[in-house]
């Protein structure tokens, strides 16, 4: 089932609160450990609203950084040729920017 942005924000806020409580930290301690202002932490837990930087800080403090990395995983290969190209690029040590230049269909503003 698809969720709306407000539903996802609230679910994320609830998960942050549950994770913090499971670690036995009051909000003040979680804010301090993460380097996020206390008011921002409260808003993060109640409304799910904060900057991406503050969300990352919260995830690090709550030991959830791996989940953030998995958020925007590379899409599955559309074909065997696409998969082979990705493997060659990955093994050649090309940077993300160089990969984008090598495959302009995936660049920002493309129609795909």
N, C-alpha and C. Protein backbone atom coordinates (compact mmCIF):
# COMPACT_ATOMS: atom_id res chain seq x y z
N UNK A 1 0.83 -1.17 0.00
CA UNK A 1 0.00 0.00 0.00
C UNK A 1 0.88 1.25 0.00
N UNK A 2 0.57 2.18 -0.87
CA UNK A 2 1.32 3.42 -0.93
C UNK A 2 0.92 4.33 0.22
N UNK A 3 1.89 5.03 0.76
CA UNK A 3 1.63 5.95 1.87
C UNK A 3 1.87 7.37 1.40
N UNK A 4 1.22 8.30 2.03
CA UNK A 4 1.42 9.71 1.72
C UNK A 4 2.65 10.21 2.46
N UNK A 5 3.14 11.36 2.05
CA UNK A 5 4.30 11.95 2.72
C UNK A 5 4.03 12.19 4.21
N UNK A 6 2.87 12.76 4.58
CA UNK A 6 2.62 12.94 6.03
C UNK A 6 2.58 11.62 6.79
N UNK A 7 2.06 10.57 6.19
CA UNK A 7 2.03 9.26 6.84
C UNK A 7 3.45 8.72 7.05
N UNK A 8 4.30 8.88 6.03
CA UNK A 8 5.68 8.42 6.15
C UNK A 8 6.44 9.24 7.19
N UNK A 9 6.21 10.54 7.23
CA UNK A 9 6.86 11.38 8.23
C UNK A 9 6.49 10.92 9.64
N UNK A 10 5.20 10.67 9.86
CA UNK A 10 4.77 10.24 11.19
C UNK A 10 5.32 8.87 11.54
N UNK A 11 5.34 7.97 10.57
CA UNK A 11 5.89 6.63 10.83
C UNK A 11 7.38 6.71 11.17
N UNK A 12 8.11 7.54 10.45
CA UNK A 12 9.53 7.71 10.73
C UNK A 12 9.73 8.33 12.11
N UNK A 13 8.94 9.33 12.44
CA UNK A 13 9.02 9.96 13.76
C UNK A 13 8.79 8.93 14.85
N UNK A 14 7.77 8.10 14.66
CA UNK A 14 7.46 7.07 15.66
C UNK A 14 8.61 6.07 15.80
N UNK A 15 9.21 5.69 14.67
CA UNK A 15 10.32 4.72 14.72
C UNK A 15 11.54 5.31 15.42
N UNK A 16 11.79 6.58 15.20
CA UNK A 16 12.92 7.24 15.88
C UNK A 16 12.67 7.24 17.39
N UNK A 17 11.46 7.60 17.79
CA UNK A 17 11.12 7.61 19.21
C UNK A 17 11.25 6.21 19.82
N UNK A 18 10.70 5.20 19.15
CA UNK A 18 10.76 3.83 19.65
C UNK A 18 12.21 3.36 19.78
N UNK A 19 13.02 3.68 18.81
CA UNK A 19 14.45 3.28 18.84
C UNK A 19 15.16 3.95 20.02
N UNK A 20 14.90 5.25 20.21
CA UNK A 20 15.52 5.98 21.31
C UNK A 20 15.10 5.39 22.65
N UNK A 21 13.81 5.13 22.81
CA UNK A 21 13.30 4.56 24.07
C UNK A 21 13.91 3.18 24.31
N UNK A 22 14.05 2.38 23.25
CA UNK A 22 14.64 1.05 23.39
C UNK A 22 16.09 1.13 23.87
N UNK A 23 16.77 2.21 23.49
CA UNK A 23 18.16 2.40 23.94
C UNK A 23 18.21 2.98 25.36
N UNK A 24 17.05 3.35 25.89
CA UNK A 24 16.97 3.87 27.25
C UNK A 24 17.42 5.32 27.40
N UNK A 25 17.35 6.08 26.32
CA UNK A 25 17.80 7.47 26.35
C UNK A 25 16.62 8.42 26.43
N UNK A 26 16.70 9.42 27.30
CA UNK A 26 15.72 10.50 27.21
C UNK A 26 16.02 11.35 25.97
N UNK A 27 15.07 12.15 25.56
CA UNK A 27 15.26 12.97 24.36
C UNK A 27 16.51 13.85 24.47
N UNK A 28 16.72 14.42 25.63
CA UNK A 28 17.87 15.32 25.83
C UNK A 28 19.18 14.58 25.56
N UNK A 29 19.30 13.36 26.03
CA UNK A 29 20.52 12.59 25.82
C UNK A 29 20.69 12.23 24.34
N UNK A 30 19.61 11.83 23.70
CA UNK A 30 19.68 11.48 22.27
C UNK A 30 20.11 12.70 21.45
N UNK A 31 19.56 13.84 21.79
CA UNK A 31 19.94 15.06 21.08
C UNK A 31 21.41 15.36 21.28
N UNK A 32 21.87 15.24 22.51
CA UNK A 32 23.28 15.51 22.82
C UNK A 32 24.20 14.52 22.12
N UNK A 33 23.87 13.24 22.14
CA UNK A 33 24.70 12.23 21.51
C UNK A 33 24.79 12.43 19.99
N UNK A 34 23.72 12.92 19.41
CA UNK A 34 23.67 13.08 17.96
C UNK A 34 24.25 14.42 17.49
N UNK A 35 24.31 15.39 18.39
CA UNK A 35 24.76 16.72 17.98
C UNK A 35 23.64 17.53 17.36
N UNK A 36 22.41 17.12 17.61
CA UNK A 36 21.23 17.82 17.10
C UNK A 36 20.65 18.64 18.26
N UNK A 37 20.18 19.83 17.97
CA UNK A 37 19.57 20.66 19.00
C UNK A 37 18.36 19.93 19.60
N UNK A 38 18.15 20.13 20.89
CA UNK A 38 17.05 19.45 21.59
C UNK A 38 15.70 19.75 20.94
N UNK A 39 15.45 20.98 20.60
CA UNK A 39 14.17 21.34 19.96
C UNK A 39 14.01 20.63 18.62
N UNK A 40 15.11 20.52 17.89
CA UNK A 40 15.07 19.81 16.60
C UNK A 40 14.78 18.34 16.83
N UNK A 41 15.40 17.75 17.84
CA UNK A 41 15.15 16.33 18.13
C UNK A 41 13.68 16.11 18.47
N UNK A 42 13.13 16.98 19.30
CA UNK A 42 11.71 16.85 19.65
C UNK A 42 10.83 16.92 18.40
N UNK A 43 11.13 17.86 17.52
CA UNK A 43 10.36 18.00 16.27
C UNK A 43 10.55 16.76 15.38
N UNK A 44 11.73 16.21 15.37
CA UNK A 44 12.01 15.00 14.60
C UNK A 44 11.15 13.84 15.09
N UNK A 45 11.03 13.71 16.41
CA UNK A 45 10.24 12.62 16.99
C UNK A 45 8.73 12.85 16.92
N UNK A 46 8.30 14.07 16.93
CA UNK A 46 6.85 14.32 16.94
C UNK A 46 6.28 14.51 15.54
N UNK A 47 7.05 15.15 14.66
CA UNK A 47 6.54 15.46 13.32
C UNK A 47 7.33 14.80 12.20
N UNK A 48 8.50 14.25 12.53
CA UNK A 48 9.35 13.66 11.51
C UNK A 48 10.03 14.71 10.65
N UNK A 49 10.09 15.94 11.15
CA UNK A 49 10.65 17.03 10.35
C UNK A 49 12.00 17.48 10.89
N UNK A 50 12.98 17.51 10.00
CA UNK A 50 14.33 17.98 10.30
C UNK A 50 15.08 18.02 8.97
N UNK A 51 16.25 18.59 9.00
CA UNK A 51 17.08 18.59 7.79
C UNK A 51 17.61 17.18 7.54
N UNK A 52 18.05 16.94 6.33
CA UNK A 52 18.66 15.65 6.02
C UNK A 52 19.90 15.45 6.89
N UNK A 53 20.65 16.50 7.10
CA UNK A 53 21.84 16.41 7.95
C UNK A 53 21.48 15.97 9.37
N UNK A 54 20.41 16.55 9.93
CA UNK A 54 19.99 16.17 11.27
C UNK A 54 19.46 14.74 11.30
N UNK A 55 18.78 14.32 10.25
CA UNK A 55 18.31 12.93 10.17
C UNK A 55 19.50 11.97 10.16
N UNK A 56 20.53 12.32 9.42
CA UNK A 56 21.73 11.48 9.37
C UNK A 56 22.40 11.42 10.74
N UNK A 57 22.50 12.56 11.41
CA UNK A 57 23.07 12.58 12.75
C UNK A 57 22.27 11.70 13.71
N UNK A 58 20.95 11.78 13.60
CA UNK A 58 20.09 10.95 14.45
C UNK A 58 20.30 9.47 14.13
N UNK A 59 20.37 9.14 12.86
CA UNK A 59 20.57 7.74 12.46
C UNK A 59 21.91 7.21 12.98
N UNK A 60 22.94 8.04 12.92
CA UNK A 60 24.25 7.62 13.45
C UNK A 60 24.18 7.37 14.95
N UNK A 61 23.55 8.30 15.66
CA UNK A 61 23.45 8.14 17.12
C UNK A 61 22.62 6.91 17.48
N UNK A 62 21.58 6.64 16.70
CA UNK A 62 20.70 5.50 16.98
C UNK A 62 21.21 4.21 16.34
N UNK A 63 22.37 4.30 15.70
CA UNK A 63 23.01 3.15 15.05
C UNK A 63 22.15 2.55 13.93
N UNK A 64 21.66 3.44 13.08
CA UNK A 64 20.81 3.02 11.95
C UNK A 64 21.36 3.52 10.62
N UNK A 65 22.64 3.84 10.56
CA UNK A 65 23.19 4.45 9.34
C UNK A 65 23.12 3.53 8.13
N UNK A 66 23.21 2.24 8.33
CA UNK A 66 23.15 1.31 7.19
C UNK A 66 21.81 1.40 6.47
N UNK A 67 20.76 1.64 7.21
CA UNK A 67 19.43 1.76 6.60
C UNK A 67 19.37 2.99 5.71
N UNK A 68 20.07 4.05 6.07
CA UNK A 68 20.10 5.25 5.23
C UNK A 68 20.81 4.98 3.91
N UNK A 69 21.89 4.26 3.98
CA UNK A 69 22.65 3.94 2.78
C UNK A 69 21.81 3.13 1.80
N UNK A 70 20.96 2.27 2.34
CA UNK A 70 20.12 1.41 1.50
C UNK A 70 18.92 2.15 0.91
N UNK A 71 18.66 3.38 1.36
CA UNK A 71 17.47 4.11 0.91
C UNK A 71 17.39 4.27 -0.61
N UNK A 72 18.45 4.69 -1.22
CA UNK A 72 18.43 4.98 -2.65
C UNK A 72 19.40 4.07 -3.38
N UNK A 73 19.13 2.80 -3.28
CA UNK A 73 19.98 1.80 -3.93
C UNK A 73 19.87 1.95 -5.45
N UNK A 74 20.93 1.53 -6.11
CA UNK A 74 20.93 1.56 -7.58
C UNK A 74 19.84 0.63 -8.09
N UNK A 75 19.07 1.08 -9.08
CA UNK A 75 18.00 0.22 -9.61
C UNK A 75 18.57 -1.07 -10.21
N UNK A 76 17.73 -2.07 -10.26
CA UNK A 76 18.14 -3.34 -10.86
C UNK A 76 18.49 -3.13 -12.33
N UNK A 77 19.42 -3.91 -12.81
CA UNK A 77 19.82 -3.81 -14.22
C UNK A 77 18.64 -4.19 -15.11
N UNK A 78 18.48 -3.43 -16.19
CA UNK A 78 17.37 -3.68 -17.12
C UNK A 78 17.69 -4.83 -18.08
N UNK A 79 18.97 -5.10 -18.25
CA UNK A 79 19.36 -6.17 -19.16
C UNK A 79 20.71 -6.74 -18.72
N UNK A 80 21.09 -7.83 -19.34
CA UNK A 80 22.38 -8.42 -19.04
C UNK A 80 23.51 -7.49 -19.47
N UNK A 81 23.33 -6.80 -20.60
CA UNK A 81 24.34 -5.83 -21.05
C UNK A 81 24.52 -4.72 -20.03
N UNK A 82 23.41 -4.24 -19.49
CA UNK A 82 23.46 -3.19 -18.47
C UNK A 82 24.21 -3.68 -17.24
N UNK A 83 23.94 -4.89 -16.82
CA UNK A 83 24.61 -5.48 -15.67
C UNK A 83 26.12 -5.59 -15.91
N UNK A 84 26.50 -6.05 -17.09
CA UNK A 84 27.92 -6.18 -17.42
C UNK A 84 28.61 -4.82 -17.44
N UNK A 85 27.94 -3.80 -17.97
CA UNK A 85 28.51 -2.44 -17.98
C UNK A 85 28.75 -1.95 -16.56
N UNK A 86 27.78 -2.19 -15.68
CA UNK A 86 27.91 -1.77 -14.29
C UNK A 86 29.09 -2.47 -13.61
N UNK A 87 29.25 -3.75 -13.89
CA UNK A 87 30.35 -4.49 -13.29
C UNK A 87 31.70 -3.96 -13.76
N UNK A 88 31.79 -3.66 -15.04
CA UNK A 88 33.04 -3.11 -15.58
C UNK A 88 33.33 -1.77 -14.93
N UNK A 89 32.31 -0.91 -14.82
CA UNK A 89 32.50 0.40 -14.20
C UNK A 89 32.89 0.27 -12.73
N UNK A 90 32.25 -0.65 -12.02
CA UNK A 90 32.54 -0.83 -10.60
C UNK A 90 33.98 -1.32 -10.39
N UNK A 91 34.42 -2.19 -11.23
CA UNK A 91 35.78 -2.74 -11.09
C UNK A 91 36.86 -1.79 -11.59
N UNK A 92 36.47 -0.84 -12.43
CA UNK A 92 37.47 0.09 -12.94
C UNK A 92 37.73 1.23 -11.96
N UNK A 93 36.91 1.32 -10.89
CA UNK A 93 37.13 2.35 -9.89
C UNK A 93 36.66 3.73 -10.30
N UNK A 94 35.77 3.80 -11.25
CA UNK A 94 35.26 5.09 -11.69
C UNK A 94 34.41 5.72 -10.60
N UNK A 95 34.43 7.03 -10.53
CA UNK A 95 33.61 7.73 -9.55
C UNK A 95 32.17 7.78 -10.02
N UNK A 96 31.28 8.17 -9.15
CA UNK A 96 29.87 8.29 -9.50
C UNK A 96 29.69 9.29 -10.63
N UNK A 97 30.42 10.40 -10.57
CA UNK A 97 30.30 11.42 -11.62
C UNK A 97 30.76 10.86 -12.97
N UNK A 98 31.84 10.10 -12.96
CA UNK A 98 32.32 9.50 -14.20
C UNK A 98 31.33 8.48 -14.72
N UNK A 99 30.69 7.74 -13.82
CA UNK A 99 29.68 6.78 -14.24
C UNK A 99 28.51 7.49 -14.90
N UNK A 100 28.10 8.61 -14.33
CA UNK A 100 26.99 9.36 -14.92
C UNK A 100 27.33 9.85 -16.32
N UNK A 101 28.58 10.26 -16.50
CA UNK A 101 29.00 10.70 -17.83
C UNK A 101 29.04 9.52 -18.80
N UNK A 102 29.42 8.36 -18.30
CA UNK A 102 29.50 7.17 -19.15
C UNK A 102 28.12 6.67 -19.54
N UNK A 103 27.11 6.97 -18.73
CA UNK A 103 25.75 6.53 -19.02
C UNK A 103 24.81 7.72 -18.87
N UNK A 104 24.76 8.63 -19.86
CA UNK A 104 23.99 9.87 -19.72
C UNK A 104 22.49 9.65 -19.57
N UNK A 105 21.97 8.48 -19.91
CA UNK A 105 20.53 8.25 -19.76
C UNK A 105 20.12 8.33 -18.30
N UNK A 106 21.04 8.12 -17.39
CA UNK A 106 20.70 8.13 -15.96
C UNK A 106 20.96 9.48 -15.32
N UNK A 107 21.40 10.44 -16.09
CA UNK A 107 21.70 11.75 -15.53
C UNK A 107 20.42 12.51 -15.22
N UNK A 108 20.53 13.46 -14.35
CA UNK A 108 19.42 14.31 -13.97
C UNK A 108 18.85 14.98 -15.22
N UNK A 109 17.54 15.01 -15.28
CA UNK A 109 16.89 15.66 -16.40
C UNK A 109 16.65 14.75 -17.58
N UNK A 110 17.08 13.49 -17.49
CA UNK A 110 16.85 12.58 -18.60
C UNK A 110 15.41 12.12 -18.59
N UNK A 111 14.97 11.53 -19.65
CA UNK A 111 13.58 11.11 -19.75
C UNK A 111 13.36 9.72 -19.18
N UNK A 112 14.40 9.03 -18.76
CA UNK A 112 14.25 7.68 -18.19
C UNK A 112 14.27 7.70 -16.72
